[in-house]
Amino acid sequence: MMSKLHDLLDSPCIGVCSTLFDEICKGCHRTAFEVSNWVFFSEEEKALVWERIKREGYSM
């Protein structure tokens, strides 16, 4: 599903989750907090996470 705010997928998840063992997921590079609360984030909060992931060069 595409986000209304931007042309990115709604979630950066790529199905390689490591948040059970790592504070930062090795798949999507979100924090454990961001992963577990993603469905509750506003479009603006999601956009900020996407911007950080892209800035750090991890966006798939």
C-alpha atoms as a PDB file:
ATOM      1  CA  MET A   1       0.000   0.000   0.000  1.00  0.00           C
ATOM      2  CA  MET A   2       1.346   3.412  -0.937  1.00  0.00           C
ATOM      3  CA  SER A   3       1.392   6.244   1.584  1.00  0.00           C
ATOM      4  CA  LYS A   4      -0.710   9.324   0.819  1.00  0.00           C
ATOM      5  CA  LEU A   5       2.044  11.690   1.965  1.00  0.00           C
ATOM      6  CA  HIS A   6       4.779  10.566  -0.406  1.00  0.00           C
ATOM      7  CA  ASP A   7       5.603   8.028  -3.099  1.00  0.00           C
ATOM      8  CA  LEU A   8       7.253   5.546  -0.747  1.00  0.00           C
ATOM      9  CA  LEU A   9       5.766   2.289   0.426  1.00  0.00           C
ATOM     10  CA  ASP A  10       3.987   2.660   3.748  1.00  0.00           C
ATOM     11  CA  SER A  11       6.647   0.652   5.590  1.00  0.00           C
ATOM     12  CA  PRO A  12      10.396   0.334   4.978  1.00  0.00           C
ATOM     13  CA  CYS A  13      10.221  -3.295   6.177  1.00  0.00           C
ATOM     14  CA  ILE A  14      11.944  -5.774   3.841  1.00  0.00           C
ATOM     15  CA  GLY A  15      11.066  -8.874   5.863  1.00  0.00           C
ATOM     16  CA  VAL A  16      14.488  -9.288   7.516  1.00  0.00           C
ATOM     17  CA  CYS A  17      13.680  -8.257  11.071  1.00  0.00           C
ATOM     18  CA  SER A  18      16.330  -8.331  13.780  1.00  0.00           C
ATOM     19  CA  THR A  19      14.656  -6.157  16.432  1.00  0.00           C
ATOM     20  CA  LEU A  20      14.375  -9.091  18.814  1.00  0.00           C
ATOM     21  CA  PHE A  21      18.164  -8.995  19.133  1.00  0.00           C
ATOM     22  CA  ASP A  22      19.201  -5.523  17.936  1.00  0.00           C
ATOM     23  CA  GLU A  23      18.121  -1.989  18.821  1.00  0.00           C
ATOM     24  CA  ILE A  24      18.354  -1.077  15.111  1.00  0.00           C
ATOM     25  CA  CYS A  25      16.812  -3.541  12.643  1.00  0.00           C
ATOM     26  CA  LYS A  26      19.350  -4.899  10.157  1.00  0.00           C
ATOM     27  CA  GLY A  27      16.638  -5.120   7.494  1.00  0.00           C
ATOM     28  CA  CYS A  28      14.890  -1.738   7.506  1.00  0.00           C
ATOM     29  CA  HIS A  29      17.196   0.215   9.858  1.00  0.00           C
ATOM     30  CA  ARG A  30      14.359   1.427  12.076  1.00  0.00           C
ATOM     31  CA  THR A  31      14.682   1.347  15.837  1.00  0.00           C
ATOM     32  CA  ALA A  32      12.779  -1.281  17.800  1.00  0.00           C
ATOM     33  CA  PHE A  33      10.489   1.535  18.999  1.00  0.00           C
ATOM     34  CA  GLU A  34       9.814   2.671  15.425  1.00  0.00           C
ATOM     35  CA  VAL A  35       9.055  -0.880  14.265  1.00  0.00           C
ATOM     36  CA  SER A  36       6.716  -1.680  17.137  1.00  0.00           C
ATOM     37  CA  ASN A  37       4.862   1.641  16.913  1.00  0.00           C
ATOM     38  CA  TRP A  38       4.833   2.127  13.121  1.00  0.00           C
ATOM     39  CA  VAL A  39       1.090   1.454  12.780  1.00  0.00           C
ATOM     40  CA  PHE A  40       0.401   4.227  15.305  1.00  0.00           C
ATOM     41  CA  PHE A  41       2.713   6.824  13.702  1.00  0.00           C
ATOM     42  CA  SER A  42       1.200   9.755  11.822  1.00  0.00           C
ATOM     43  CA  GLU A  43       2.142  10.307   8.187  1.00  0.00           C
ATOM     44  CA  GLU A  44       4.505  13.064   9.353  1.00  0.00           C
ATOM     45  CA  GLU A  45       6.256  10.764  11.847  1.00  0.00           C
ATOM     46  CA  LYS A  46       6.637   8.084   9.181  1.00  0.00           C
ATOM     47  CA  ALA A  47       8.060  10.673   6.788  1.00  0.00           C
ATOM     48  CA  LEU A  48      10.707  11.663   9.350  1.00  0.00           C
ATOM     49  CA  VAL A  49      11.778   8.043   9.762  1.00  0.00           C
ATOM     50  CA  TRP A  50      11.907   7.559   5.982  1.00  0.00           C
ATOM     51  CA  GLU A  51      14.013  10.720   5.623  1.00  0.00           C
ATOM     52  CA  ARG A  52      16.513   9.477   8.228  1.00  0.00           C
ATOM     53  CA  ILE A  53      16.751   6.041   6.610  1.00  0.00           C
ATOM     54  CA  LYS A  54      17.305   7.578   3.167  1.00  0.00           C
ATOM     55  CA  ARG A  55      19.831  10.116   4.520  1.00  0.00           C
ATOM     56  CA  GLU A  56      21.799   7.293   6.137  1.00  0.00           C
ATOM     57  CA  GLY A  57      21.757   5.379   2.853  1.00  0.00           C
ATOM     58  CA  TYR A  58      19.704   2.395   4.028  1.00  0.00           C
ATOM     59  CA  SER A  59      16.478   2.814   2.070  1.00  0.00           C
ATOM     60  CA  MET A  60      15.821  -0.178  -0.147  1.00  0.00           C
END
